């Protein structure tokens, strides 16, 4: 058996808010719209993955999900300019990532991260 894909589902009453955060802010593409569900995707290569954690690292809360990007510094500045709720500031972690946490419009904690060169 091969796991081909893992999809995160977020319950929301106002699906339009997804476009602002996942489409406009993160640059993901709307790939399916059934009215009651909207799916945003990035067409980069990825492997299905699930992380199980007792904490989020450096004693932070466990985020609802993580999104790896190639422009975490830029997104951090944009998040500040848009007055998004940043709950863990941009930090270089000892395990080789630069990351920050913010809340999406649905109250989910999102870990935005970028791997950095040692």
Protein backbone atom coordinates (compact mmCIF):
# COMPACT_ATOMS: atom_id res chain seq x y z
CA UNK A 1 0.00 0.00 0.00
CA UNK A 2 1.19 3.53 -0.75
CA UNK A 3 -0.11 6.72 0.84
CA UNK A 4 -0.58 9.09 -2.07
CA UNK A 5 -1.77 12.24 -0.34
CA UNK A 6 -2.81 13.65 3.03
CA UNK A 7 -5.41 16.41 3.12
CA UNK A 8 -6.07 18.69 6.07
CA UNK A 9 -9.74 19.65 6.46
CA UNK A 10 -10.70 22.79 8.39
CA UNK A 11 -14.31 23.44 9.39
CA UNK A 12 -15.40 26.98 8.54
CA UNK A 13 -18.64 28.89 8.25
CA UNK A 14 -17.30 31.57 5.88
CA UNK A 15 -15.25 29.89 3.16
CA UNK A 16 -14.40 33.25 1.58
CA UNK A 17 -11.85 33.87 4.37
CA UNK A 18 -9.79 30.99 2.99
CA UNK A 19 -8.96 32.96 -0.17
CA UNK A 20 -7.50 35.85 1.83
CA UNK A 21 -5.16 33.64 3.88
CA UNK A 22 -4.42 30.55 1.78
CA UNK A 23 -4.82 32.12 -1.66
CA UNK A 24 -3.67 35.73 -1.36
CA UNK A 25 -1.23 35.53 1.60
CA UNK A 26 0.31 32.09 0.97
CA UNK A 27 -0.11 32.07 -2.82
CA UNK A 28 -1.86 28.70 -2.97
CA UNK A 29 -4.13 27.97 -5.93
CA UNK A 30 -7.84 27.20 -5.63
CA UNK A 31 -7.98 23.78 -7.28
CA UNK A 32 -11.51 22.69 -6.31
CA UNK A 33 -14.65 24.63 -5.40
CA UNK A 34 -17.82 22.68 -4.71
CA UNK A 35 -19.47 25.57 -2.85
CA UNK A 36 -19.39 23.74 0.49
CA UNK A 37 -15.67 22.90 0.22
CA UNK A 38 -12.76 24.81 -1.31
CA UNK A 39 -9.39 23.12 -1.78
CA UNK A 40 -6.17 25.11 -2.08
CA UNK A 41 -2.97 23.49 -3.29
CA UNK A 42 0.63 24.10 -4.16
CA UNK A 43 2.05 22.07 -7.01
CA UNK A 44 5.51 21.61 -5.48
CA UNK A 45 6.84 18.13 -4.82
CA UNK A 46 6.05 16.74 -1.40
CA UNK A 47 5.75 13.48 0.47
CA UNK A 48 2.76 12.60 2.64
CA UNK A 49 3.67 13.21 6.25
CA UNK A 50 2.05 13.31 9.69
CA UNK A 51 3.90 14.53 12.78
CA UNK A 52 2.90 13.46 16.28
CA UNK A 53 4.25 15.75 19.02
CA UNK A 54 4.06 16.40 22.75
CA UNK A 55 5.00 20.07 22.16
CA UNK A 56 5.90 22.26 19.22
CA UNK A 57 9.60 22.66 20.00
CA UNK A 58 11.08 25.24 22.38
CA UNK A 59 8.04 24.63 24.61
CA UNK A 60 5.59 26.10 22.07
CA UNK A 61 2.11 24.70 21.52
CA UNK A 62 1.77 21.97 18.93
CA UNK A 63 0.65 23.71 15.72
CA UNK A 64 -2.37 22.38 13.87
CA UNK A 65 -0.17 22.02 10.79
CA UNK A 66 3.08 23.21 9.27
CA UNK A 67 3.68 24.74 5.87
CA UNK A 68 7.21 24.82 4.48
CA UNK A 69 7.89 27.86 2.28
CA UNK A 70 10.85 29.37 0.47
CA UNK A 71 10.22 32.94 1.70
CA UNK A 72 9.56 32.84 5.45
CA UNK A 73 11.18 36.26 6.05
CA UNK A 74 8.93 37.90 3.47
CA UNK A 75 5.82 36.20 4.85
CA UNK A 76 6.70 37.32 8.37
CA UNK A 77 6.92 40.96 7.26
CA UNK A 78 3.65 40.65 5.30
CA UNK A 79 1.90 39.01 8.28
CA UNK A 80 2.97 41.94 10.46
CA UNK A 81 1.81 44.48 7.87
CA UNK A 82 -1.57 42.72 7.65
CA UNK A 83 -1.89 42.66 11.46
CA UNK A 84 -2.21 38.89 11.49
CA UNK A 85 -2.12 37.20 14.89
CA UNK A 86 1.49 36.06 15.23
CA UNK A 87 1.77 33.84 18.30
CA UNK A 88 5.44 32.80 18.03
CA UNK A 89 7.90 35.29 16.50
CA UNK A 90 10.29 34.57 13.65
CA UNK A 91 12.95 32.35 15.22
CA UNK A 92 15.95 30.41 13.98
CA UNK A 93 15.69 27.02 15.67
CA UNK A 94 18.62 24.81 16.61
CA UNK A 95 17.29 21.99 14.41
CA UNK A 96 17.84 24.00 11.21
CA UNK A 97 14.63 25.87 10.47
CA UNK A 98 13.51 29.48 10.63
CA UNK A 99 9.84 29.68 11.55
CA UNK A 100 6.95 31.55 13.10
CA UNK A 101 3.43 30.65 14.18
CA UNK A 102 0.29 32.56 13.32
CA UNK A 103 -3.44 31.99 13.49
CA UNK A 104 -5.37 31.50 10.27
CA UNK A 105 -8.86 33.05 9.91
CA UNK A 106 -10.39 29.87 11.38
CA UNK A 107 -8.33 29.88 14.59
CA UNK A 108 -5.87 27.18 13.49
CA UNK A 109 -2.24 27.53 14.55
CA UNK A 110 -0.05 27.45 11.44
CA UNK A 111 3.71 26.88 11.63
CA UNK A 112 5.32 28.62 8.65
CA UNK A 113 8.88 27.42 8.24
CA UNK A 114 11.87 27.42 5.97
CA UNK A 115 14.84 25.08 6.21
CA UNK A 116 18.10 26.99 6.52
CA UNK A 117 21.67 26.11 5.69
CA UNK A 118 23.77 25.10 8.70
